Amino acid sequence: MKELLEVIAKSLVDVPDSVVVEEEDRGSTLVLKLYVADGDMGKVIGKQGRIAKAIRSVVKAAASKTDKTKKVIVDIVDD
């Protein structure tokens, strides 16, 4: 899931080198923290959060294919 989120985020931002994804396993929950540069925050979130919602949907769909017991949370954090 980490690699998928990195690929999606890097394709959206102006500074792909600043994209960092941290993975934290909390038992039945997998938390993915996406760090981007301040100037790229709007590109990742989108108008009214539509792009962020789409990113979360894609990652959750991919996660459900691999492991149906894990819940995936995507947090977007500015650097």
C-alpha atoms as a PDB file:
ATOM      1  CA  MET A   1       0.000   0.000   0.000  1.00  0.00           C
ATOM      2  CA  LYS A   2       2.895   2.311   0.786  1.00  0.00           C
ATOM      3  CA  GLU A   3       4.294   2.082  -2.743  1.00  0.00           C
ATOM      4  CA  LEU A   4       0.877   2.655  -4.318  1.00  0.00           C
ATOM      5  CA  LEU A   5       0.330   5.816  -2.267  1.00  0.00           C
ATOM      6  CA  GLU A   6       3.822   7.076  -3.176  1.00  0.00           C
ATOM      7  CA  VAL A   7       3.218   6.593  -6.897  1.00  0.00           C
ATOM      8  CA  ILE A   8      -0.146   8.362  -6.788  1.00  0.00           C
ATOM      9  CA  ALA A   9       1.168  11.292  -4.738  1.00  0.00           C
ATOM     10  CA  LYS A  10       4.335  11.754  -6.796  1.00  0.00           C
ATOM     11  CA  SER A  11       2.290  11.974  -9.987  1.00  0.00           C
ATOM     12  CA  LEU A  12       0.190  14.819  -8.527  1.00  0.00           C
ATOM     13  CA  VAL A  13       2.775  17.131  -6.955  1.00  0.00           C
ATOM     14  CA  ASP A  14       5.323  19.599  -8.361  1.00  0.00           C
ATOM     15  CA  VAL A  15       8.147  18.394  -6.071  1.00  0.00           C
ATOM     16  CA  PRO A  16       8.000  14.574  -6.153  1.00  0.00           C
ATOM     17  CA  ASP A  17      11.222  14.264  -4.135  1.00  0.00           C
ATOM     18  CA  SER A  18       9.467  15.762  -1.111  1.00  0.00           C
ATOM     19  CA  VAL A  19       6.837  12.982  -0.983  1.00  0.00           C
ATOM     20  CA  VAL A  20       7.341  10.636   1.950  1.00  0.00           C
ATOM     21  CA  VAL A  21       5.003   7.871   3.106  1.00  0.00           C
ATOM     22  CA  GLU A  22       5.297   6.373   6.576  1.00  0.00           C
ATOM     23  CA  GLU A  23       3.562   3.123   7.416  1.00  0.00           C
ATOM     24  CA  GLU A  24       2.352   2.370  10.942  1.00  0.00           C
ATOM     25  CA  ASP A  25       0.771  -0.969  11.822  1.00  0.00           C
ATOM     26  CA  ARG A  26      -1.696  -0.769  14.719  1.00  0.00           C
ATOM     27  CA  GLY A  27      -2.935  -4.333  14.880  1.00  0.00           C
ATOM     28  CA  SER A  28      -6.051  -4.471  12.708  1.00  0.00           C
ATOM     29  CA  THR A  29      -5.436  -0.972  11.325  1.00  0.00           C
ATOM     30  CA  LEU A  30      -2.770   0.223   8.918  1.00  0.00           C
ATOM     31  CA  VAL A  31      -2.064   3.969   9.056  1.00  0.00           C
ATOM     32  CA  LEU A  32      -0.319   5.547   6.069  1.00  0.00           C
ATOM     33  CA  LYS A  33       0.996   9.071   6.661  1.00  0.00           C
ATOM     34  CA  LEU A  34       1.602  11.050   3.493  1.00  0.00           C
ATOM     35  CA  TYR A  35       3.996  13.992   3.811  1.00  0.00           C
ATOM     36  CA  VAL A  36       4.180  16.554   0.999  1.00  0.00           C
ATOM     37  CA  ALA A  37       5.702  20.020   0.602  1.00  0.00           C
ATOM     38  CA  ASP A  38       3.621  23.015   1.698  1.00  0.00           C
ATOM     39  CA  GLY A  39       3.075  24.194  -1.877  1.00  0.00           C
ATOM     40  CA  ASP A  40       1.811  20.782  -2.975  1.00  0.00           C
ATOM     41  CA  MET A  41      -0.757  20.349  -0.221  1.00  0.00           C
ATOM     42  CA  GLY A  42      -3.559  21.822  -2.330  1.00  0.00           C
ATOM     43  CA  LYS A  43      -2.774  19.541  -5.248  1.00  0.00           C
ATOM     44  CA  VAL A  44      -3.040  16.443  -3.075  1.00  0.00           C
ATOM     45  CA  ILE A  45      -6.222  17.549  -1.299  1.00  0.00           C
ATOM     46  CA  GLY A  46      -8.023  19.123  -4.258  1.00  0.00           C
ATOM     47  CA  LYS A  47     -11.162  21.243  -4.292  1.00  0.00           C
ATOM     48  CA  GLN A  48     -13.396  20.314  -1.363  1.00  0.00           C
ATOM     49  CA  GLY A  49     -11.127  17.329  -0.672  1.00  0.00           C
ATOM     50  CA  ARG A  50     -12.132  15.419  -3.781  1.00  0.00           C
ATOM     51  CA  ILE A  51      -8.634  14.266  -4.741  1.00  0.00           C
ATOM     52  CA  ALA A  52      -7.852  13.223  -1.151  1.00  0.00           C
ATOM     53  CA  LYS A  53     -11.093  11.249  -1.053  1.00  0.00           C
ATOM     54  CA  ALA A  54     -10.239   9.569  -4.355  1.00  0.00           C
ATOM     55  CA  ILE A  55      -6.741   8.672  -3.123  1.00  0.00           C
ATOM     56  CA  ARG A  56      -8.225   7.132   0.026  1.00  0.00           C
ATOM     57  CA  SER A  57     -10.751   5.161  -2.022  1.00  0.00           C
ATOM     58  CA  VAL A  58      -8.100   3.714  -4.328  1.00  0.00           C
ATOM     59  CA  VAL A  59      -5.783   2.740  -1.458  1.00  0.00           C
ATOM     60  CA  LYS A  60      -8.642   1.164   0.517  1.00  0.00           C
ATOM     61  CA  ALA A  61      -9.804  -0.780  -2.537  1.00  0.00           C
ATOM     62  CA  ALA A  62      -6.289  -2.107  -3.148  1.00  0.00           C
ATOM     63  CA  ALA A  63      -5.945  -3.002   0.530  1.00  0.00           C
ATOM     64  CA  SER A  64      -9.216  -4.924   0.538  1.00  0.00           C
ATOM     65  CA  LYS A  65      -7.924  -7.060  -2.328  1.00  0.00           C
ATOM     66  CA  THR A  66      -4.796  -8.081  -0.409  1.00  0.00           C
ATOM     67  CA  ASP A  67      -6.000  -8.270   3.204  1.00  0.00           C
ATOM     68  CA  LYS A  68      -9.704  -8.087   4.042  1.00  0.00           C
ATOM     69  CA  THR A  69      -9.150  -7.923   7.815  1.00  0.00           C
ATOM     70  CA  LYS A  70      -7.079  -4.716   7.834  1.00  0.00           C
ATOM     71  CA  LYS A  71      -8.576  -1.230   7.912  1.00  0.00           C
ATOM     72  CA  VAL A  72      -6.488   1.389   6.084  1.00  0.00           C
ATOM     73  CA  ILE A  73      -6.317   5.054   7.092  1.00  0.00           C
ATOM     74  CA  VAL A  74      -4.554   7.631   4.901  1.00  0.00           C
ATOM     75  CA  ASP A  75      -3.435  10.814   6.722  1.00  0.00           C
ATOM     76  CA  ILE A  76      -2.159  13.730   4.652  1.00  0.00           C
ATOM     77  CA  VAL A  77       0.396  15.847   6.544  1.00  0.00           C
ATOM     78  CA  ASP A  78       2.230  18.945   5.344  1.00  0.00           C
ATOM     79  CA  ASP A  79       6.009  18.983   5.697  1.00  0.00           C
END
